[in-house]
Every structure is written in structure tokens, then in C-alpha cells.
Protein backbone atom coordinates (compact mmCIF):
# COMPACT_ATOMS: atom_id res chain seq x y z
CA MET A 1 0.10 -0.11 -0.02
CA ASN A 2 1.12 3.64 -0.70
CA SER A 3 2.46 4.90 2.74
CA LEU A 4 1.79 8.37 1.54
CA ARG A 5 -1.90 7.85 2.08
CA PHE A 6 -1.15 6.83 5.79
CA ARG A 7 1.47 9.10 6.88
CA GLY A 8 -0.40 10.68 9.72
CA ILE A 9 -1.09 7.33 11.48
CA CYS A 10 1.03 6.94 14.66
CA GLY A 11 1.03 3.05 14.92
CA GLY A 12 2.52 0.66 12.56
CA SER A 13 0.18 -2.19 13.01
CA VAL A 14 -3.48 -2.84 13.52
CA PHE A 15 -2.94 -4.00 17.04
CA ALA A 16 -0.70 -1.00 17.86
CA LEU A 17 -3.31 1.38 16.23
CA ALA A 18 -6.11 0.01 18.43
CA MET A 19 -3.94 0.31 21.60
CA LEU A 20 -2.63 3.81 20.71
CA LEU A 21 -5.74 5.44 19.15
CA ALA A 22 -6.67 7.63 21.99
CA SER A 23 -3.15 9.09 22.30
CA CYS A 24 -2.69 9.33 18.44
CA SER A 25 -6.02 11.14 17.74
CA GLY A 26 -4.82 14.13 19.62
CA ALA A 27 -1.59 14.30 17.82
CA ARG A 28 -2.72 13.84 14.29
CA ARG A 29 -3.18 17.01 12.49
CA MET A 30 -5.49 17.64 9.70
CA SER A 31 -3.67 16.45 6.45
CA ALA A 32 -3.94 18.48 3.44
CA MET A 33 -4.57 15.10 1.52
CA ASP A 34 -7.88 14.75 3.43
CA ARG A 35 -9.14 17.84 1.62
CA LEU A 36 -7.97 16.58 -1.90
CA GLN A 37 -8.28 13.52 -4.07
CA PRO A 38 -5.63 11.35 -5.87
CA CYS A 39 -4.87 13.10 -9.25
CA LYS A 40 -6.51 11.22 -12.27
CA ALA A 41 -4.23 9.33 -14.45
CA SER A 42 -4.90 11.87 -17.30
CA ASP A 43 -3.12 14.45 -15.10
CA GLY A 44 0.16 12.53 -15.68
CA LEU A 45 1.10 12.85 -11.96
CA GLY A 46 2.22 10.02 -9.80
CA ASP A 47 1.48 9.95 -6.02
CA ALA A 48 -0.12 13.44 -6.30
CA PHE A 49 -3.38 14.86 -5.08
CA CYS A 50 -5.57 17.34 -6.84
CA GLY A 51 -8.63 19.33 -5.92
CA THR A 52 -10.21 23.00 -5.94
CA PHE A 53 -11.08 25.70 -3.45
CA GLU A 54 -13.63 28.22 -4.14
CA VAL A 55 -13.02 31.93 -3.39
CA PHE A 56 -15.22 35.05 -4.18
CA GLU A 57 -14.03 37.04 -7.14
CA ASN A 58 -15.04 40.05 -5.15
CA ARG A 59 -13.28 39.43 -1.85
CA VAL A 60 -14.59 42.52 -0.29
CA THR A 61 -18.42 42.02 -0.85
CA LYS A 62 -17.91 38.10 -0.70
CA GLN A 63 -20.99 38.02 -3.12
CA GLY A 64 -21.61 36.98 -6.53
CA ARG A 65 -19.20 34.99 -8.80
CA LYS A 66 -17.00 32.22 -7.21
CA ILE A 67 -13.58 30.93 -8.63
CA PRO A 68 -12.68 27.46 -8.09
CA LEU A 69 -9.06 27.57 -7.66
CA ARG A 70 -7.00 24.61 -9.07
CA ILE A 71 -4.62 22.75 -6.52
CA VAL A 72 -2.02 20.10 -6.97
CA LEU A 73 -0.37 18.67 -3.88
CA LEU A 74 2.93 16.64 -4.27
CA PRO A 75 3.24 15.15 -0.94
CA ALA A 76 6.40 14.72 1.20
CA LEU A 77 8.22 11.40 0.52
CA LYS A 78 9.38 10.95 4.17
CA GLN A 79 6.97 9.31 6.76
CA LYS A 80 8.48 12.13 9.13
CA TYR A 81 8.14 15.28 7.17
CA ALA A 82 8.42 19.03 7.78
CA PRO A 83 5.16 20.67 8.70
CA ASP A 84 5.86 23.67 6.45
CA PRO A 85 5.15 22.98 2.68
CA LEU A 86 6.63 24.84 -0.17
CA PHE A 87 4.16 26.77 -2.16
CA PHE A 88 5.36 27.18 -5.75
CA LEU A 89 4.21 30.70 -7.28
CA ALA A 90 4.52 30.87 -11.16
CA GLY A 91 5.61 33.48 -13.47
CA GLY A 92 4.09 35.47 -16.42
CA PRO A 93 1.98 37.22 -15.17
CA GLY A 94 -0.44 34.58 -16.54
CA GLN A 95 1.19 31.35 -15.92
CA GLY A 96 -0.66 28.50 -14.24
CA ALA A 97 1.28 26.97 -11.29
CA ALA A 98 -0.68 23.67 -11.02
CA ALA A 99 -0.18 23.07 -14.80
CA LEU A 100 3.54 23.02 -14.24
CA ALA A 101 3.36 20.11 -11.53
CA HIS A 102 4.16 17.45 -14.08
CA ASP A 103 7.35 19.16 -15.24
CA LEU A 104 8.48 20.18 -11.64
CA GLN A 105 7.71 16.85 -10.05
CA GLU A 106 11.07 15.10 -10.90
CA PRO A 107 13.53 17.88 -10.46
CA TYR A 108 11.94 19.01 -7.22
CA ARG A 109 11.99 15.36 -5.62
CA VAL A 110 14.93 16.46 -3.48
CA VAL A 111 12.45 19.13 -1.93
CA GLU A 112 9.57 16.93 -1.86
CA THR A 113 11.59 14.44 0.28
CA ASP A 114 11.09 16.53 3.30
CA ARG A 115 8.05 18.67 2.68
CA ASP A 116 4.91 18.91 0.80
CA ILE A 117 4.94 21.03 -2.39
CA VAL A 118 1.76 22.78 -3.23
CA LEU A 119 0.85 24.45 -6.68
CA VAL A 120 -2.18 26.46 -7.06
CA ASP A 121 -3.39 28.11 -10.34
CA GLN A 122 -3.60 31.71 -9.43
CA ARG A 123 -7.04 33.31 -10.23
CA GLY A 124 -7.27 34.02 -13.78
CA THR A 125 -4.66 31.47 -14.85
CA GLY A 126 -4.56 27.60 -15.62
CA LYS A 127 -7.91 26.25 -14.63
CA SER A 128 -8.77 28.75 -12.02
CA ASN A 129 -11.21 30.79 -14.46
CA PRO A 130 -8.43 31.63 -17.03
CA LEU A 131 -8.50 35.00 -18.72
CA GLU A 132 -7.42 33.79 -22.15
CA CYS A 133 -7.10 36.01 -25.11
CA LYS A 134 -6.04 33.69 -27.78
CA PRO A 135 -6.04 34.78 -31.54
CA GLY A 136 -8.81 33.45 -33.86
CA GLU A 137 -7.88 31.07 -36.73
CA SER A 138 -7.68 33.93 -39.22
CA GLU A 139 -5.10 35.83 -37.10
CA GLU A 140 -3.13 32.67 -36.26
CA SER A 141 -2.59 32.22 -39.99
CA SER A 142 -1.83 35.98 -40.55
CA ASP A 143 1.55 36.78 -41.83
CA GLU A 144 1.42 40.04 -39.90
CA GLU A 145 1.90 38.49 -36.51
CA ASP A 146 3.47 41.65 -35.06
CA ASP A 147 0.77 43.89 -36.51
CA SER A 148 -0.38 46.32 -33.80
CA ALA A 149 -3.81 47.11 -35.03
CA SER A 150 -4.67 43.45 -35.26
CA MET A 151 -3.57 42.83 -31.76
CA MET A 152 -5.66 45.68 -30.35
CA ARG A 153 -8.74 44.66 -32.08
CA ARG A 154 -8.10 41.19 -30.55
CA PHE A 155 -7.64 42.57 -26.96
CA ARG A 156 -10.73 44.82 -27.26
CA SER A 157 -12.54 41.70 -28.37
CA CYS A 158 -11.11 39.80 -25.65
CA ILE A 159 -12.46 42.37 -23.01
CA ASP A 160 -16.07 42.00 -24.42
CA ALA A 161 -15.65 38.14 -24.38
CA LEU A 162 -14.54 37.90 -20.77
CA LYS A 163 -17.10 40.46 -19.39
CA SER A 164 -19.57 37.39 -18.83
CA LYS A 165 -17.12 35.48 -16.79
CA ALA A 166 -14.87 37.78 -15.00
CA ASP A 167 -14.49 41.35 -13.43
CA LEU A 168 -11.11 42.08 -14.96
CA THR A 169 -10.11 44.44 -12.06
CA LYS A 170 -10.26 41.60 -9.47
CA TYR A 171 -7.25 39.70 -10.81
CA THR A 172 -4.40 41.91 -9.26
CA THR A 173 -1.58 40.29 -7.06
CA PRO A 174 -2.73 41.43 -3.58
CA ILE A 175 -6.33 39.78 -4.12
CA ALA A 176 -4.70 36.52 -5.43
CA MET A 177 -2.30 36.37 -2.50
CA ASP A 178 -5.15 36.57 0.04
CA ASP A 179 -6.75 33.72 -2.08
CA LEU A 180 -3.52 31.76 -1.54
CA ASP A 181 -3.74 32.24 2.08
CA ASP A 182 -7.32 30.92 2.23
CA VAL A 183 -5.77 27.80 0.39
CA ARG A 184 -3.22 27.69 3.20
CA ARG A 185 -6.01 27.67 5.72
CA PHE A 186 -8.07 25.21 3.86
CA LEU A 187 -5.30 22.68 3.56
CA GLY A 188 -4.53 22.91 7.32
CA TYR A 189 -1.01 24.34 7.32
CA SER A 190 0.24 26.78 9.83
CA LYS A 191 3.20 28.43 8.32
CA ILE A 192 4.38 28.00 4.68
CA ASP A 193 7.48 28.46 2.73
CA LEU A 194 7.21 30.13 -0.81
CA TYR A 195 9.08 29.65 -4.01
CA GLY A 196 8.36 32.56 -6.60
CA GLY A 197 10.02 32.72 -9.85
CA SER A 198 9.91 35.75 -12.21
CA TYR A 199 6.53 37.39 -11.62
CA GLY A 200 6.01 34.84 -8.86
CA THR A 201 8.70 36.60 -6.87
CA ARG A 202 6.34 39.68 -6.83
CA ALA A 203 3.41 37.46 -5.66
CA ALA A 204 5.76 35.91 -2.86
CA LEU A 205 6.83 39.42 -1.86
CA VAL A 206 3.21 40.54 -1.56
CA TYR A 207 1.97 37.35 0.21
CA ALA A 208 4.88 37.71 2.87
CA ARG A 209 3.86 41.37 3.37
CA ARG A 210 0.27 40.84 3.70
CA HIS A 211 0.55 37.48 5.89
CA PRO A 212 3.93 37.56 7.54
CA GLU A 213 2.56 35.52 10.49
CA ASN A 214 2.02 32.55 8.06
CA THR A 215 5.26 32.73 6.13
CA ARG A 216 8.21 30.85 7.48
CA ALA A 217 10.84 31.34 4.45
CA VAL A 218 10.83 32.74 1.02
CA ILE A 219 13.00 31.84 -2.16
CA LEU A 220 12.85 34.61 -4.72
CA ASP A 221 14.25 33.52 -8.13
CA GLY A 222 14.61 36.42 -10.61
CA VAL A 223 13.25 39.18 -8.72
CA ALA A 224 10.44 41.40 -10.20
CA PRO A 225 9.28 43.53 -7.27
CA THR A 226 6.21 45.86 -6.96
CA ASP A 227 8.05 48.92 -8.06
CA MET A 228 9.50 47.41 -11.18
CA ARG A 229 7.11 48.79 -13.59
CA LEU A 230 6.74 46.20 -16.13
CA PRO A 231 7.72 46.30 -19.07
CA LEU A 232 9.49 49.59 -18.80
CA TYR A 233 12.90 48.22 -18.41
CA MET A 234 12.76 45.23 -20.60
CA ALA A 235 14.77 46.75 -23.46
CA ARG A 236 17.49 48.12 -21.17
CA ASP A 237 17.76 44.99 -19.15
CA SER A 238 17.80 42.82 -22.44
CA GLN A 239 20.37 44.74 -24.04
CA ARG A 240 22.63 44.23 -20.90
CA ALA A 241 22.27 40.62 -21.48
CA LEU A 242 23.11 40.81 -25.07
CA SER A 243 26.03 42.92 -24.17
CA LEU A 244 27.32 40.15 -21.99
CA LEU A 245 26.81 37.59 -24.74
CA VAL A 246 28.96 39.72 -27.28
CA ARG A 247 31.65 40.23 -24.72
CA ASP A 248 31.85 36.49 -24.00
CA CYS A 249 31.79 35.87 -27.78
CA GLU A 250 34.74 38.18 -28.14
CA LYS A 251 36.69 36.64 -25.27
CA ASP A 252 36.20 33.03 -26.74
CA ALA A 253 38.88 32.38 -29.31
CA GLY A 254 36.76 29.98 -31.36
CA CYS A 255 33.55 32.26 -31.32
CA ASN A 256 35.42 35.47 -31.99
CA ARG A 257 37.28 33.91 -34.96
CA ARG A 258 34.16 32.51 -36.52
CA PHE A 259 31.93 35.54 -35.84
CA PRO A 260 34.12 38.77 -35.67
CA GLN A 261 32.36 42.20 -35.00
CA LEU A 262 29.33 40.51 -33.98
CA GLN A 263 27.76 43.67 -32.34
CA ALA A 264 28.36 45.65 -35.55
CA ARG A 265 26.93 42.95 -37.67
CA LEU A 266 23.78 42.69 -35.64
CA THR A 267 23.34 46.55 -35.54
CA ALA A 268 23.70 46.62 -39.48
CA LEU A 269 21.16 43.66 -39.83
CA LEU A 270 18.56 45.40 -37.66
CA ASP A 271 19.07 48.69 -39.35
CA ARG A 272 18.58 47.22 -42.61
CA LEU A 273 15.32 45.47 -41.63
CA SER A 274 14.16 48.84 -40.18
CA ALA A 275 14.62 50.51 -43.50
CA HIS A 276 13.74 47.70 -45.77
CA PRO A 277 11.78 44.56 -44.31
CA GLN A 278 12.53 41.49 -46.12
CA HIS A 279 9.81 39.47 -47.71
CA VAL A 280 10.63 35.74 -47.40
CA LYS A 281 9.02 32.33 -47.69
CA TYR A 282 9.58 29.74 -45.00
CA VAL A 283 8.13 26.73 -43.37
CA HIS A 284 6.43 27.40 -40.09
CA PRO A 285 8.53 25.36 -37.41
CA ARG A 286 5.34 24.45 -35.26
CA THR A 287 2.62 23.85 -37.91
CA GLY A 288 4.73 22.89 -40.83
CA GLU A 289 2.87 25.26 -43.14
CA GLU A 290 4.56 26.93 -45.99
CA LYS A 291 4.17 30.84 -45.27
CA GLU A 292 5.28 34.17 -46.34
CA ILE A 293 6.19 36.87 -44.07
CA ASP A 294 7.80 40.40 -44.19
CA VAL A 295 10.69 40.08 -41.64
CA LYS A 296 10.90 43.42 -39.90
CA ARG A 297 13.28 44.67 -37.18
CA LEU A 298 10.87 43.54 -34.51
CA THR A 299 10.69 40.06 -36.00
CA VAL A 300 14.32 39.42 -35.30
CA ALA A 301 14.58 41.62 -32.07
CA GLY A 302 11.68 39.57 -30.41
CA ALA A 303 13.32 36.21 -31.17
CA LEU A 304 16.62 37.46 -30.03
CA PHE A 305 15.05 38.73 -26.83
CA ALA A 306 13.58 35.26 -26.27
CA SER A 307 16.85 33.47 -26.91
CA LEU A 308 18.51 35.30 -24.14
CA TYR A 309 16.28 33.89 -21.37
CA SER A 310 18.56 30.72 -21.44
CA PRO A 311 22.37 30.39 -22.08
CA MET A 312 21.63 27.32 -24.09
CA THR A 313 19.42 29.05 -26.53
CA ALA A 314 21.86 32.14 -26.45
CA SER A 315 24.68 29.99 -27.62
CA LEU A 316 23.05 29.79 -31.18
CA VAL A 317 22.71 33.66 -31.51
CA PRO A 318 26.02 34.28 -33.34
CA LEU A 319 25.18 31.49 -35.86
CA LEU A 320 21.72 32.85 -36.22
CA ILE A 321 22.93 36.39 -36.89
CA GLU A 322 25.21 35.05 -39.60
CA GLN A 323 22.37 33.05 -41.12
CA ALA A 324 19.99 36.01 -41.21
CA GLU A 325 22.71 38.23 -42.89
CA LYS A 326 22.28 35.64 -45.62
CA GLY A 327 18.57 35.95 -45.85
CA ASN A 328 17.85 32.74 -43.77
CA TYR A 329 15.76 33.63 -40.76
CA THR A 330 14.59 29.93 -40.02
CA GLY A 331 16.37 29.77 -36.85
CA PHE A 332 14.98 33.01 -35.59
CA PHE A 333 11.54 31.75 -36.45
CA ALA A 334 12.11 28.59 -34.57
CA LEU A 335 13.12 30.58 -31.50
CA GLY A 336 9.94 32.59 -31.78
CA ALA A 337 7.61 29.57 -31.99
CA ALA A 338 9.46 27.94 -29.08
CA PHE A 339 8.74 30.92 -26.86
CA ASP A 340 5.25 31.51 -28.13
CA PRO A 341 3.70 33.85 -25.46
CA LEU A 342 0.28 32.31 -26.50
CA SER A 343 1.17 28.93 -25.15
CA SER A 344 -1.62 26.85 -23.54
CA ASN A 345 -0.37 27.62 -20.21
CA MET A 346 -0.23 31.46 -20.32
CA SER A 347 -3.40 33.67 -19.90
CA GLN A 348 -2.75 36.92 -21.70
CA GLY A 349 -5.88 38.35 -20.07
CA MET A 350 -4.42 37.88 -16.63
CA TYR A 351 -1.15 39.41 -17.71
CA PHE A 352 -2.92 42.65 -18.62
CA SER A 353 -5.06 42.82 -15.51
CA VAL A 354 -1.97 42.71 -13.50
CA VAL A 355 0.22 45.04 -15.61
CA CYS A 356 -2.49 47.55 -16.49
CA ASN A 357 -3.42 47.72 -12.79
CA GLU A 358 -0.02 47.59 -11.12
CA ASP A 359 2.60 48.75 -13.61
CA ALA A 360 1.23 50.76 -16.49
CA PRO A 361 -0.41 53.83 -14.38
CA ARG A 362 2.97 54.64 -13.08
CA ILE A 363 4.88 54.65 -16.39
CA GLU A 364 5.18 58.27 -17.49
CA PRO A 365 4.87 59.37 -21.14
CA GLY A 366 8.22 59.19 -22.99
CA SER A 367 9.86 57.00 -20.26
CA VAL A 368 9.55 53.94 -22.54
CA GLU A 369 11.51 55.59 -25.56
CA ARG A 370 13.84 57.01 -23.07
CA GLU A 371 14.84 53.72 -21.47
CA ALA A 372 14.96 51.88 -24.75
CA ALA A 373 17.21 54.37 -26.58
CA GLY A 374 20.25 52.66 -28.10
CA THR A 375 18.95 49.07 -27.50
CA PHE A 376 18.36 46.28 -29.89
CA THR A 377 14.59 46.03 -29.26
CA GLY A 378 13.86 49.77 -29.35
CA ALA A 379 10.78 50.89 -27.71
CA GLU A 380 8.31 49.09 -29.98
CA MET A 381 8.28 45.79 -27.99
CA ALA A 382 7.54 47.37 -24.62
CA GLY A 383 5.20 49.79 -26.39
CA MET A 384 2.99 46.92 -27.82
CA ARG A 385 2.76 45.42 -24.41
CA LEU A 386 1.40 48.62 -22.77
CA LYS A 387 -0.96 49.47 -25.72
CA PRO A 388 -3.86 47.39 -24.42
CA CYS A 389 -3.52 49.28 -21.12
CA GLU A 390 -5.11 52.27 -22.67
CA PHE A 391 -8.43 50.54 -22.66
CA TRP A 392 -8.12 47.52 -20.17
CA PRO A 393 -10.25 47.73 -17.09
CA ARG A 394 -8.51 48.81 -13.97
CA GLU A 395 -9.03 50.33 -10.52
CA PRO A 396 -6.43 52.44 -8.40
CA MET A 397 -3.88 50.58 -6.41
CA ASP A 398 -2.83 51.54 -2.80
CA PRO A 399 0.33 53.69 -3.25
CA ALA A 400 1.87 51.61 -0.25
CA TYR A 401 1.77 48.44 -2.48
CA PHE A 402 4.77 49.91 -4.59
CA GLU A 403 7.11 50.40 -1.47
CA ASN A 404 10.06 47.97 -1.16
CA ALA A 405 9.26 47.28 2.57
CA PRO A 406 11.63 45.64 4.92
CA SER A 407 11.13 42.33 6.14
CA LYS A 408 12.73 39.89 8.94
CA ILE A 409 11.48 36.89 7.18
CA PRO A 410 14.46 34.75 5.99
CA ALA A 411 14.89 34.78 2.17
CA LEU A 412 17.05 33.31 -0.42
CA ILE A 413 17.32 35.59 -3.29
CA LEU A 414 18.70 34.14 -6.45
CA SER A 415 19.52 36.14 -9.78
CA GLY A 416 21.04 34.85 -12.90
CA GLU A 417 24.00 36.89 -14.05
CA LEU A 418 22.85 36.85 -17.81
CA ASP A 419 19.14 37.39 -16.98
CA PRO A 420 17.63 39.60 -19.70
CA VAL A 421 14.39 40.58 -17.75
CA THR A 422 15.13 40.33 -14.11
CA PRO A 423 18.85 41.01 -13.75
CA PRO A 424 20.59 40.99 -10.37
CA VAL A 425 20.00 44.81 -9.78
CA TRP A 426 16.36 43.85 -8.71
CA GLY A 427 17.57 41.26 -6.38
CA GLU A 428 20.04 43.71 -4.71
CA GLN A 429 17.44 46.01 -4.23
CA VAL A 430 15.10 43.64 -2.22
CA ALA A 431 18.11 42.09 -0.44
CA SER A 432 18.92 45.67 0.87
CA GLN A 433 15.47 45.66 2.70
CA TRP A 434 15.28 42.28 3.94
CA LYS A 435 17.48 41.96 7.07
CA ASN A 436 17.73 38.00 6.88
CA SER A 437 18.37 37.42 3.35
CA LYS A 438 21.26 36.18 1.19
CA HIS A 439 21.54 37.28 -2.45
CA ILE A 440 23.17 34.77 -4.80
CA VAL A 441 24.20 35.85 -8.29
CA VAL A 442 24.64 32.69 -10.29
CA PRO A 443 27.25 33.14 -12.90
CA ALA A 444 26.39 32.24 -16.56
CA THR A 445 22.69 31.79 -15.80
CA GLY A 446 19.77 33.37 -17.42
CA HIS A 447 16.09 33.79 -16.21
CA GLY A 448 15.40 31.28 -13.50
CA ALA A 449 18.33 29.94 -11.34
CA TRP A 450 16.91 26.90 -9.45
CA ALA A 451 18.17 24.45 -12.23
CA SER A 452 21.54 25.91 -12.39
CA GLY A 453 24.62 24.22 -11.00
CA CYS A 454 24.18 23.45 -7.11
CA VAL A 455 21.40 26.02 -6.79
CA MET A 456 18.79 23.28 -5.92
CA LYS A 457 21.13 21.89 -3.19
CA LEU A 458 21.31 25.31 -1.77
CA MET A 459 17.42 25.81 -1.87
CA VAL A 460 16.96 22.39 -0.10
CA GLN A 461 19.43 23.54 2.81
CA PHE A 462 17.84 26.86 3.18
CA LEU A 463 14.35 25.32 3.37
CA ASN A 464 15.38 22.72 5.97
CA ASP A 465 17.45 25.33 8.03
CA GLY A 466 14.85 28.08 7.73
CA SER A 467 17.75 30.32 7.21
CA ALA A 468 20.49 31.34 4.71
CA ALA A 469 23.03 32.24 7.30
CA ASN A 470 24.96 29.07 6.93
CA LEU A 471 24.80 28.40 3.07
CA ASN A 472 28.23 28.06 1.56
CA THR A 473 27.63 29.38 -1.88
CA ALA A 474 31.04 28.80 -3.49
CA CYS A 475 29.72 26.07 -5.54
CA VAL A 476 27.82 28.22 -7.88
CA GLN A 477 31.10 29.68 -9.33
CA LYS A 478 31.56 26.34 -11.12
CA VAL A 479 28.74 27.38 -13.46
CA LYS A 480 29.93 28.29 -16.93
CA ARG A 481 28.29 29.65 -20.11
CA PRO A 482 27.74 26.71 -22.61
CA PRO A 483 29.92 26.81 -25.60
CA PHE A 484 28.71 28.82 -28.56
CA PHE A 485 27.52 27.07 -31.79
CA LEU A 486 30.14 27.43 -34.51
CA GLY A 487 28.06 25.81 -37.18
CA PRO A 488 25.00 23.65 -37.80
CA ALA A 489 26.65 20.79 -36.11
CA GLY A 490 27.10 22.47 -32.83
CA PRO A 491 30.21 23.87 -30.79
CA ASP A 492 33.81 22.97 -31.52
CA PRO A 493 34.23 19.75 -29.67
CA MET A 494 37.64 20.60 -28.67
CA SER A 495 36.61 24.07 -27.23
CA SER A 496 36.22 24.70 -23.56
CA PRO A 497 32.93 26.31 -22.09
CA ALA A 498 32.72 30.15 -22.95
CA GLY A 499 32.07 31.22 -19.51
CA LEU A 500 35.95 32.18 -19.22
CA GLN A 501 37.63 32.80 -15.73
């Protein structure tokens, strides 16, 4: 029998259970699994428990529409396990956490050994009343995938379509984090640990601020605090990541010899496409359809931006630039498809409900252009992400929400050295206010550090100790940038990793 189902039982045999029932019944706490059911085979999760918990969409009036929040519980593997679970908060905004359980279960086994892992689809994501704004068939087949007017028509239509199922002003982070505390209470936990990645770090910071008495420890991976003003700094921060890539290529003998003057060549390519978009025929890497498209500056810049999230994909960039110079954009198209923002686990409507309420109102006119000056993305990419906020429903936020408030809660703060969207400066900002925190900048790492080098080992120790004071972080210095691709066959097999000394 599966011992996970019986981990709260004090005795080991029927006789012992009968003799000790009285003493055991007082010690046995309500188990989170008593509130859930074994996940279905179709969920693709072994030894996991699934369920829902309803919250009012309007938490103030506590009337009207209710939202069933999707919950997945990965129960601790040990018979004697820690009472504090790890709640996993996903990124985006718009990504469903519960939907990630299948992908996270194996790499997070070392965490699951000692404690439950809980994943909740935040309101507006996953299966928790998702606010989806997906294109219609005609738009999916359109060659003008970056056409602003077409996108704005879609988002206006999306608002109309969502009116019957959601009040779009009620999907902000503070409301969602109060939901999360209700889930904590429903599952019977006293204090919880939090892991937040990307936007999930903002969610974790907000939860810890609103419910400090219920927060034991926090892991922030790729910090996006409440005062960040998404997406104001995306051009500046991604340009920093690109400059580091060019620097490392120049310092690597093989890459520099194969792709000399890389920055100048990229600048020339983007300038040419700005002046004269190139009409090309290609096979769509996801659908296999033969298509035609006018390759614009934004087409290449968007794919290049996506590639910088991971050093593995970034290692292709010099080769893709060379291919694009010759009119072959297949590699960039493939990158764009691989990082499709309209993936099945990303609710764009929830993204805008967060950004248009929490960030856009504090972005002054002209500031996007000012921050984007001299960058490879220019202002267009951030500008298009802000455009729907001109008509997206919103309500004023409490000004105190945007303060970087101090905290005594233990925190492990992780930043990827090469992160194009949440670089170390944001982690430094939060660490300066959190007295019991340790900020680790992981070398040669992009967006999301948990899978890099020894970081998971450090996370486990931090959770088990409930403190970062005794962490020996020297092991992260072993992480090196993957070698650059010098041709279609890959890196030079005789070369060393490019991360240099």
C-alpha cells in the first residue's frame, strides 16, 4: 500500500493502532490530503493529490461569482516530514502553477523528500477561471503576427468576451495572495514556505507582506518587485544581457574567430530591416505550413530577446545572426515559436489585468522611449505590451503597494548573471531591505536559477534550516556559459565552455 496515504497514522500495525488510538488522535493534524483526491491518470502525476477551493471573485463584498482555484499537492516522501510546505508561485504574469506540476515533480524530488509541495493556479490562470485572449484562426494564419492594429482589435474583443465570466479589475496580485492564504488555511497548514519565480517573486513578496505571520521562509528567483513597472526596463535589461553575450563571444577564441565584429553586424542587420523589411518564404517550425512574411526589425529582435532567457539558446545567437545576414531567418522563426507567449499555459488576459493595474499607471509618457534608446529591441516591443492598457479595465492601487518594504522573514534571493528581464540589480534592491536574506548571483545563468549548478542543493538546505546564514555558496562559481555554436553541427568539440575565468 502507498504509505503516503497513511503518513499521519501513529501506529505501525492494526494492534498498535487500536492500543494507541486515543493518544494518536490528539496528535494527528488535519492532513492536506484529506481535503483533496488522488489526481487522475490523465493528469500525468504519480502520487499527487488534486482538488479545488472556491473563493469569491470580489473578496470585499463576498457576493456574486466564485472562482474554483485549481490545487495540486505533491506530498512529502518521508514518513516524518516538515510541517511547512513549499508553495510554488509561477511567473508570467499569467502562468498557471498547477499546470507545471508534471514538469516540476521530478527535478523537485529533493525538496519533496522533506516537505509537501503545493501548486495553485492563481485566479485568472490555468484552470482557475483563466482569462484567455487567444487569436482566432484567421489571426493565427496571418503573416502580420506583429501587427499592432490586429492585436489591439483582438484585445478589445477579448475584453468583451470576458465580461460574462470575470471582473477584470479583480485579478491583481494582492487579491490573489489573499486567495492563497485561504488555500493555506483550507489545507490545514500553519506556516508555509514560498518559492516565486519571475512574476512569482512579486506574488511571494506581496504574500509575505500581507501574511507575515504565516510565512516561514521565502525563495525569490529572478526578482520582479512591485515597483519594477513592467515592461518599462525590458529593453535596457535585455540589452545588458546581449552585451554580455557579445563580450563572452569576443573573449572566446573560437567564437570571435568564427563571428568577428558580432555587435556591429547585428546592428547593421537590424538597421537594414528597419529601413527595408525583407519578404521571405519559409516553413513554419510549429505547424509545418509554408508561409510568407515580411521580416521586420521587431521580428528578429523579438526572437533574439527570447533567446537570451537561457544560455543554451543564447549560444545559437552568433550563428543565427550570420544566417540572417544571408537571408535565412529559419532559426529566428524557430526561437520565436518555441517561446510563443500564447502557449496553452499562459493567460494573456491575466497578464494585462496585473500590468495594466499595477505597472502601466506609473509609467510616464516618453519614459519607454527614453529607457529603450540605443537598445536592440527599441521601444516598440514594450510599447506594444502597454498599448492594451489604454482601454483595459482597472482600479487604483494603494500607493503603499509599490514600496519596497523591509522584512525579517528569512529569504534566499537568486539572480542569473545573464538574465535579460530580471537582472541582479532587482535582487540587490530587495536584499537591501530584507534583514535575514542572502542574495546569490549565479554566473552564466539566465532567467530562473533553480536548475543551474548547485542551486537546488542550496535551496533544500535553506528550506531545511529555515535560514540562509550557513549557506556555503562557493559551488555556484562552477557554472559556466555553454560553448557557442560555430556551425549547424554545434560547438567545436575541442573547445572549452565560454564562461571564461
